[in-house]
Amino acid sequence: MAEAFVTLTSEIQAKFPSISFINSNKGKPLLVADDYTFKLNKATTTTKYWICTINGCAANVHTDLTNLLMKTAGNHSHLREKEKLEVREARDKMIYLKIHFLTLNIPA
């Protein structure tokens, strides 16, 4: 049984070779896989359930608690969001730099 799980996990990892995470406008984590974004729908003691951020889209992803991809289900009803993701990542980087490296020097 464990061997079947490892094989299934390997097949899923081949389909989505890399997943990453970015923050939503409200600071919540978003999973990014294959230029699609997913928001956390619910979490149990063993699994996190992610749903596509586009309303009405049936695609979803399951990860374990360490964010290892376990399962994908459903098909997307829309195109990939590559440009939207690039804008979001650039915005997140600017916010990070602003918070961590820029200081306001006000002369006394």
N, C-alpha and C. Protein backbone atom coordinates (compact mmCIF):
# COMPACT_ATOMS: atom_id res chain seq x y z
N MET A 1 0.83 -1.20 0.00
CA MET A 1 0.00 0.00 0.00
C MET A 1 0.86 1.25 0.00
N ALA A 2 1.91 1.26 0.82
CA ALA A 2 2.79 2.42 0.88
C ALA A 2 3.48 2.64 -0.45
N GLU A 3 3.81 1.53 -1.14
CA GLU A 3 4.46 1.64 -2.44
C GLU A 3 3.53 2.30 -3.46
N ALA A 4 2.26 1.96 -3.41
CA ALA A 4 1.28 2.58 -4.31
C ALA A 4 1.16 4.07 -4.04
N PHE A 5 1.20 4.46 -2.76
CA PHE A 5 1.14 5.88 -2.41
C PHE A 5 2.35 6.62 -2.95
N VAL A 6 3.54 6.02 -2.81
CA VAL A 6 4.77 6.65 -3.31
C VAL A 6 4.70 6.81 -4.82
N THR A 7 4.20 5.79 -5.53
CA THR A 7 4.06 5.87 -6.98
C THR A 7 3.08 6.96 -7.37
N LEU A 8 1.94 7.01 -6.71
CA LEU A 8 0.93 8.03 -7.00
C LEU A 8 1.49 9.42 -6.73
N THR A 9 2.18 9.59 -5.60
CA THR A 9 2.77 10.88 -5.28
C THR A 9 3.80 11.27 -6.33
N SER A 10 4.61 10.33 -6.81
CA SER A 10 5.60 10.61 -7.84
C SER A 10 4.94 11.06 -9.14
N GLU A 11 3.83 10.42 -9.50
CA GLU A 11 3.11 10.81 -10.71
C GLU A 11 2.55 12.23 -10.59
N ILE A 12 2.04 12.56 -9.42
CA ILE A 12 1.51 13.91 -9.19
C ILE A 12 2.64 14.93 -9.24
N GLN A 13 3.78 14.61 -8.61
CA GLN A 13 4.92 15.52 -8.62
C GLN A 13 5.41 15.73 -10.05
N ALA A 14 5.31 14.71 -10.91
CA ALA A 14 5.72 14.87 -12.30
C ALA A 14 4.76 15.80 -13.04
N LYS A 15 3.48 15.74 -12.69
CA LYS A 15 2.49 16.60 -13.33
C LYS A 15 2.70 18.06 -12.93
N PHE A 16 2.93 18.31 -11.65
CA PHE A 16 3.22 19.63 -11.13
C PHE A 16 4.62 19.59 -10.53
N PRO A 17 5.67 19.77 -11.36
CA PRO A 17 7.03 19.59 -10.86
C PRO A 17 7.39 20.53 -9.71
N SER A 18 6.77 21.68 -9.66
CA SER A 18 7.08 22.56 -8.54
C SER A 18 5.83 23.31 -8.12
N ILE A 19 5.67 23.38 -6.83
CA ILE A 19 4.62 24.22 -6.29
C ILE A 19 5.30 25.27 -5.44
N SER A 20 4.67 26.41 -5.35
CA SER A 20 5.22 27.48 -4.52
C SER A 20 4.06 28.15 -3.81
N PHE A 21 4.42 29.09 -2.96
CA PHE A 21 3.40 29.77 -2.17
C PHE A 21 3.62 31.27 -2.23
N ILE A 22 2.53 32.00 -2.34
CA ILE A 22 2.56 33.46 -2.27
C ILE A 22 1.46 33.86 -1.30
N ASN A 23 1.42 35.12 -0.96
CA ASN A 23 0.38 35.61 -0.06
C ASN A 23 -0.72 36.31 -0.84
N SER A 24 -1.95 36.17 -0.35
CA SER A 24 -3.07 36.88 -0.94
C SER A 24 -3.04 38.33 -0.46
N ASN A 25 -3.96 39.13 -0.97
CA ASN A 25 -4.04 40.53 -0.53
C ASN A 25 -4.30 40.63 0.97
N LYS A 26 -4.93 39.62 1.53
CA LYS A 26 -5.24 39.61 2.96
C LYS A 26 -4.20 38.87 3.79
N GLY A 27 -3.08 38.50 3.16
CA GLY A 27 -2.00 37.85 3.87
C GLY A 27 -2.17 36.35 4.05
N LYS A 28 -3.14 35.75 3.39
CA LYS A 28 -3.37 34.31 3.49
C LYS A 28 -2.50 33.60 2.45
N PRO A 29 -2.09 32.35 2.72
CA PRO A 29 -1.26 31.63 1.75
C PRO A 29 -2.06 31.20 0.53
N LEU A 30 -1.42 31.31 -0.63
CA LEU A 30 -1.97 30.80 -1.88
C LEU A 30 -0.97 29.80 -2.44
N LEU A 31 -1.45 28.64 -2.85
CA LEU A 31 -0.61 27.64 -3.48
C LEU A 31 -0.58 27.93 -4.97
N VAL A 32 0.60 27.90 -5.57
CA VAL A 32 0.75 28.14 -7.01
C VAL A 32 1.28 26.85 -7.63
N ALA A 33 0.54 26.31 -8.60
CA ALA A 33 0.96 25.10 -9.30
C ALA A 33 0.60 25.26 -10.77
N ASP A 34 1.61 25.15 -11.62
CA ASP A 34 1.39 25.17 -13.07
C ASP A 34 0.66 26.45 -13.52
N ASP A 35 1.03 27.58 -12.94
CA ASP A 35 0.46 28.89 -13.25
C ASP A 35 -1.03 29.02 -12.89
N TYR A 36 -1.49 28.22 -11.96
CA TYR A 36 -2.83 28.35 -11.39
C TYR A 36 -2.67 28.61 -9.90
N THR A 37 -3.60 29.36 -9.31
CA THR A 37 -3.53 29.63 -7.88
C THR A 37 -4.69 28.94 -7.16
N PHE A 38 -4.38 28.49 -5.95
CA PHE A 38 -5.35 27.79 -5.12
C PHE A 38 -5.34 28.41 -3.73
N LYS A 39 -6.53 28.52 -3.13
CA LYS A 39 -6.61 29.02 -1.76
C LYS A 39 -6.97 27.86 -0.84
N LEU A 40 -6.53 27.97 0.41
CA LEU A 40 -6.79 26.93 1.39
C LEU A 40 -8.27 26.91 1.73
N ASN A 41 -8.92 25.78 1.49
CA ASN A 41 -10.34 25.63 1.78
C ASN A 41 -10.54 25.11 3.19
N LYS A 42 -9.79 24.06 3.55
CA LYS A 42 -9.84 23.53 4.91
C LYS A 42 -8.61 22.68 5.16
N ALA A 43 -8.35 22.43 6.43
CA ALA A 43 -7.23 21.58 6.83
C ALA A 43 -7.71 20.61 7.90
N THR A 44 -7.26 19.37 7.78
CA THR A 44 -7.56 18.36 8.80
C THR A 44 -6.25 18.02 9.50
N THR A 45 -6.26 16.98 10.29
CA THR A 45 -5.04 16.61 11.02
C THR A 45 -3.98 16.02 10.10
N THR A 46 -4.34 15.64 8.87
CA THR A 46 -3.37 15.04 7.96
C THR A 46 -3.28 15.73 6.60
N THR A 47 -4.30 16.48 6.20
CA THR A 47 -4.39 16.97 4.83
C THR A 47 -4.87 18.41 4.77
N LYS A 48 -4.31 19.16 3.80
CA LYS A 48 -4.81 20.50 3.47
C LYS A 48 -5.53 20.40 2.13
N TYR A 49 -6.70 20.99 2.06
CA TYR A 49 -7.52 20.97 0.85
C TYR A 49 -7.52 22.37 0.24
N TRP A 50 -7.05 22.47 -1.00
CA TRP A 50 -6.93 23.75 -1.70
C TRP A 50 -7.91 23.77 -2.86
N ILE A 51 -8.58 24.91 -3.08
CA ILE A 51 -9.49 25.07 -4.21
C ILE A 51 -8.99 26.20 -5.10
N CYS A 52 -9.32 26.12 -6.37
CA CYS A 52 -8.92 27.15 -7.31
C CYS A 52 -9.49 28.50 -6.89
N THR A 53 -8.72 29.56 -7.10
CA THR A 53 -9.16 30.90 -6.69
C THR A 53 -10.21 31.49 -7.62
N ILE A 54 -10.41 30.90 -8.78
CA ILE A 54 -11.42 31.40 -9.72
C ILE A 54 -12.77 30.77 -9.35
N ASN A 55 -13.75 31.61 -9.04
CA ASN A 55 -15.08 31.11 -8.66
C ASN A 55 -15.67 30.25 -9.77
N GLY A 56 -16.22 29.12 -9.39
CA GLY A 56 -16.85 28.23 -10.35
C GLY A 56 -15.92 27.20 -10.95
N CYS A 57 -14.63 27.32 -10.73
CA CYS A 57 -13.67 26.35 -11.25
C CYS A 57 -13.66 25.13 -10.34
N ALA A 58 -13.67 23.94 -10.94
CA ALA A 58 -13.78 22.70 -10.17
C ALA A 58 -12.43 22.10 -9.77
N ALA A 59 -11.33 22.70 -10.17
CA ALA A 59 -10.01 22.13 -9.87
C ALA A 59 -9.67 22.30 -8.40
N ASN A 60 -9.04 21.27 -7.83
CA ASN A 60 -8.58 21.36 -6.45
C ASN A 60 -7.33 20.51 -6.26
N VAL A 61 -6.65 20.76 -5.16
CA VAL A 61 -5.38 20.10 -4.85
C VAL A 61 -5.41 19.70 -3.38
N HIS A 62 -4.79 18.55 -3.07
CA HIS A 62 -4.63 18.13 -1.69
C HIS A 62 -3.13 18.06 -1.40
N THR A 63 -2.72 18.60 -0.25
CA THR A 63 -1.33 18.47 0.21
C THR A 63 -1.35 17.89 1.61
N ASP A 64 -0.18 17.36 2.02
CA ASP A 64 -0.09 16.97 3.42
C ASP A 64 0.25 18.22 4.23
N LEU A 65 0.43 18.07 5.52
CA LEU A 65 0.66 19.24 6.38
C LEU A 65 2.01 19.90 6.13
N THR A 66 2.94 19.17 5.47
CA THR A 66 4.24 19.76 5.12
C THR A 66 4.23 20.31 3.70
N ASN A 67 3.04 20.42 3.12
CA ASN A 67 2.82 20.98 1.77
C ASN A 67 3.40 20.12 0.65
N LEU A 68 3.48 18.82 0.87
CA LEU A 68 3.85 17.88 -0.19
C LEU A 68 2.58 17.55 -0.97
N LEU A 69 2.64 17.72 -2.28
CA LEU A 69 1.48 17.50 -3.13
C LEU A 69 1.06 16.03 -3.08
N MET A 70 -0.21 15.78 -2.77
CA MET A 70 -0.72 14.41 -2.66
C MET A 70 -1.69 14.06 -3.79
N LYS A 71 -2.55 15.01 -4.18
CA LYS A 71 -3.60 14.68 -5.14
C LYS A 71 -4.06 15.94 -5.86
N THR A 72 -4.40 15.78 -7.14
CA THR A 72 -5.05 16.85 -7.89
C THR A 72 -6.36 16.28 -8.42
N ALA A 73 -7.37 17.12 -8.51
CA ALA A 73 -8.67 16.66 -9.00
C ALA A 73 -9.34 17.78 -9.78
N GLY A 74 -10.19 17.40 -10.71
CA GLY A 74 -10.95 18.39 -11.47
C GLY A 74 -10.13 19.05 -12.56
N ASN A 75 -10.82 19.71 -13.45
CA ASN A 75 -10.18 20.45 -14.54
C ASN A 75 -10.48 21.93 -14.39
N HIS A 76 -9.52 22.75 -14.79
CA HIS A 76 -9.73 24.20 -14.74
C HIS A 76 -10.67 24.62 -15.86
N SER A 77 -11.53 25.57 -15.55
CA SER A 77 -12.49 26.07 -16.54
C SER A 77 -12.04 27.42 -17.09
N HIS A 78 -10.74 27.71 -16.97
CA HIS A 78 -10.20 29.01 -17.39
C HIS A 78 -8.74 28.82 -17.80
N LEU A 79 -8.18 29.87 -18.40
CA LEU A 79 -6.79 29.83 -18.82
C LEU A 79 -5.86 30.02 -17.63
N ARG A 80 -4.58 29.71 -17.84
CA ARG A 80 -3.57 29.92 -16.80
C ARG A 80 -3.46 31.41 -16.48
N GLU A 81 -2.91 31.71 -15.31
CA GLU A 81 -2.83 33.08 -14.82
C GLU A 81 -1.39 33.57 -14.72
N LYS A 82 -0.58 33.27 -15.72
CA LYS A 82 0.85 33.57 -15.66
C LYS A 82 1.13 35.06 -15.44
N GLU A 83 0.50 35.93 -16.21
CA GLU A 83 0.76 37.37 -16.07
C GLU A 83 0.29 37.89 -14.72
N LYS A 84 -0.87 37.43 -14.29
CA LYS A 84 -1.40 37.84 -12.99
C LYS A 84 -0.45 37.42 -11.87
N LEU A 85 0.11 36.23 -11.98
CA LEU A 85 1.06 35.75 -10.97
C LEU A 85 2.34 36.56 -10.96
N GLU A 86 2.83 36.93 -12.15
CA GLU A 86 4.04 37.75 -12.22
C GLU A 86 3.83 39.10 -11.54
N VAL A 87 2.67 39.71 -11.76
CA VAL A 87 2.35 40.99 -11.12
C VAL A 87 2.27 40.81 -9.61
N ARG A 88 1.60 39.77 -9.17
CA ARG A 88 1.44 39.52 -7.73
C ARG A 88 2.80 39.27 -7.06
N GLU A 89 3.67 38.48 -7.72
CA GLU A 89 4.99 38.20 -7.15
C GLU A 89 5.83 39.46 -7.09
N ALA A 90 5.76 40.32 -8.11
CA ALA A 90 6.50 41.58 -8.09
C ALA A 90 5.99 42.47 -6.97
N ARG A 91 4.67 42.53 -6.79
CA ARG A 91 4.09 43.32 -5.71
C ARG A 91 4.54 42.81 -4.35
N ASP A 92 4.50 41.49 -4.17
CA ASP A 92 4.93 40.90 -2.89
C ASP A 92 6.39 41.21 -2.61
N LYS A 93 7.22 41.17 -3.65
CA LYS A 93 8.64 41.47 -3.47
C LYS A 93 8.84 42.93 -3.07
N MET A 94 8.10 43.84 -3.69
CA MET A 94 8.22 45.26 -3.34
C MET A 94 7.76 45.51 -1.91
N ILE A 95 6.69 44.86 -1.50
CA ILE A 95 6.20 45.02 -0.12
C ILE A 95 7.22 44.49 0.86
N TYR A 96 7.81 43.34 0.56
CA TYR A 96 8.83 42.77 1.44
C TYR A 96 10.02 43.71 1.57
N LEU A 97 10.49 44.24 0.44
CA LEU A 97 11.63 45.16 0.47
C LEU A 97 11.30 46.42 1.25
N LYS A 98 10.10 46.93 1.06
CA LYS A 98 9.68 48.13 1.78
C LYS A 98 9.68 47.89 3.29
N ILE A 99 9.13 46.78 3.70
CA ILE A 99 9.03 46.48 5.13
C ILE A 99 10.39 46.21 5.75
N HIS A 100 11.24 45.47 5.06
CA HIS A 100 12.49 45.00 5.67
C HIS A 100 13.72 45.87 5.41
N PHE A 101 13.71 46.68 4.36
CA PHE A 101 14.94 47.38 4.02
C PHE A 101 14.83 48.89 3.93
N LEU A 102 13.64 49.40 3.75
CA LEU A 102 13.50 50.85 3.63
C LEU A 102 13.10 51.45 4.96
N THR A 103 13.80 52.47 5.35
CA THR A 103 13.43 53.18 6.57
C THR A 103 13.25 54.65 6.22
N LEU A 104 12.41 55.28 6.93
CA LEU A 104 12.14 56.69 6.69
C LEU A 104 13.02 57.51 7.62
N ASN A 105 13.95 58.26 7.07
CA ASN A 105 14.83 59.11 7.87
C ASN A 105 14.27 60.51 7.91
N ILE A 106 13.76 60.88 9.06
CA ILE A 106 13.21 62.22 9.24
C ILE A 106 14.19 63.03 10.07
N PRO A 107 14.72 64.12 9.48
CA PRO A 107 15.67 64.94 10.25
C PRO A 107 14.97 65.59 11.44
N ALA A 108 15.71 65.69 12.54
CA ALA A 108 15.14 66.29 13.75
C ALA A 108 15.20 67.79 13.73
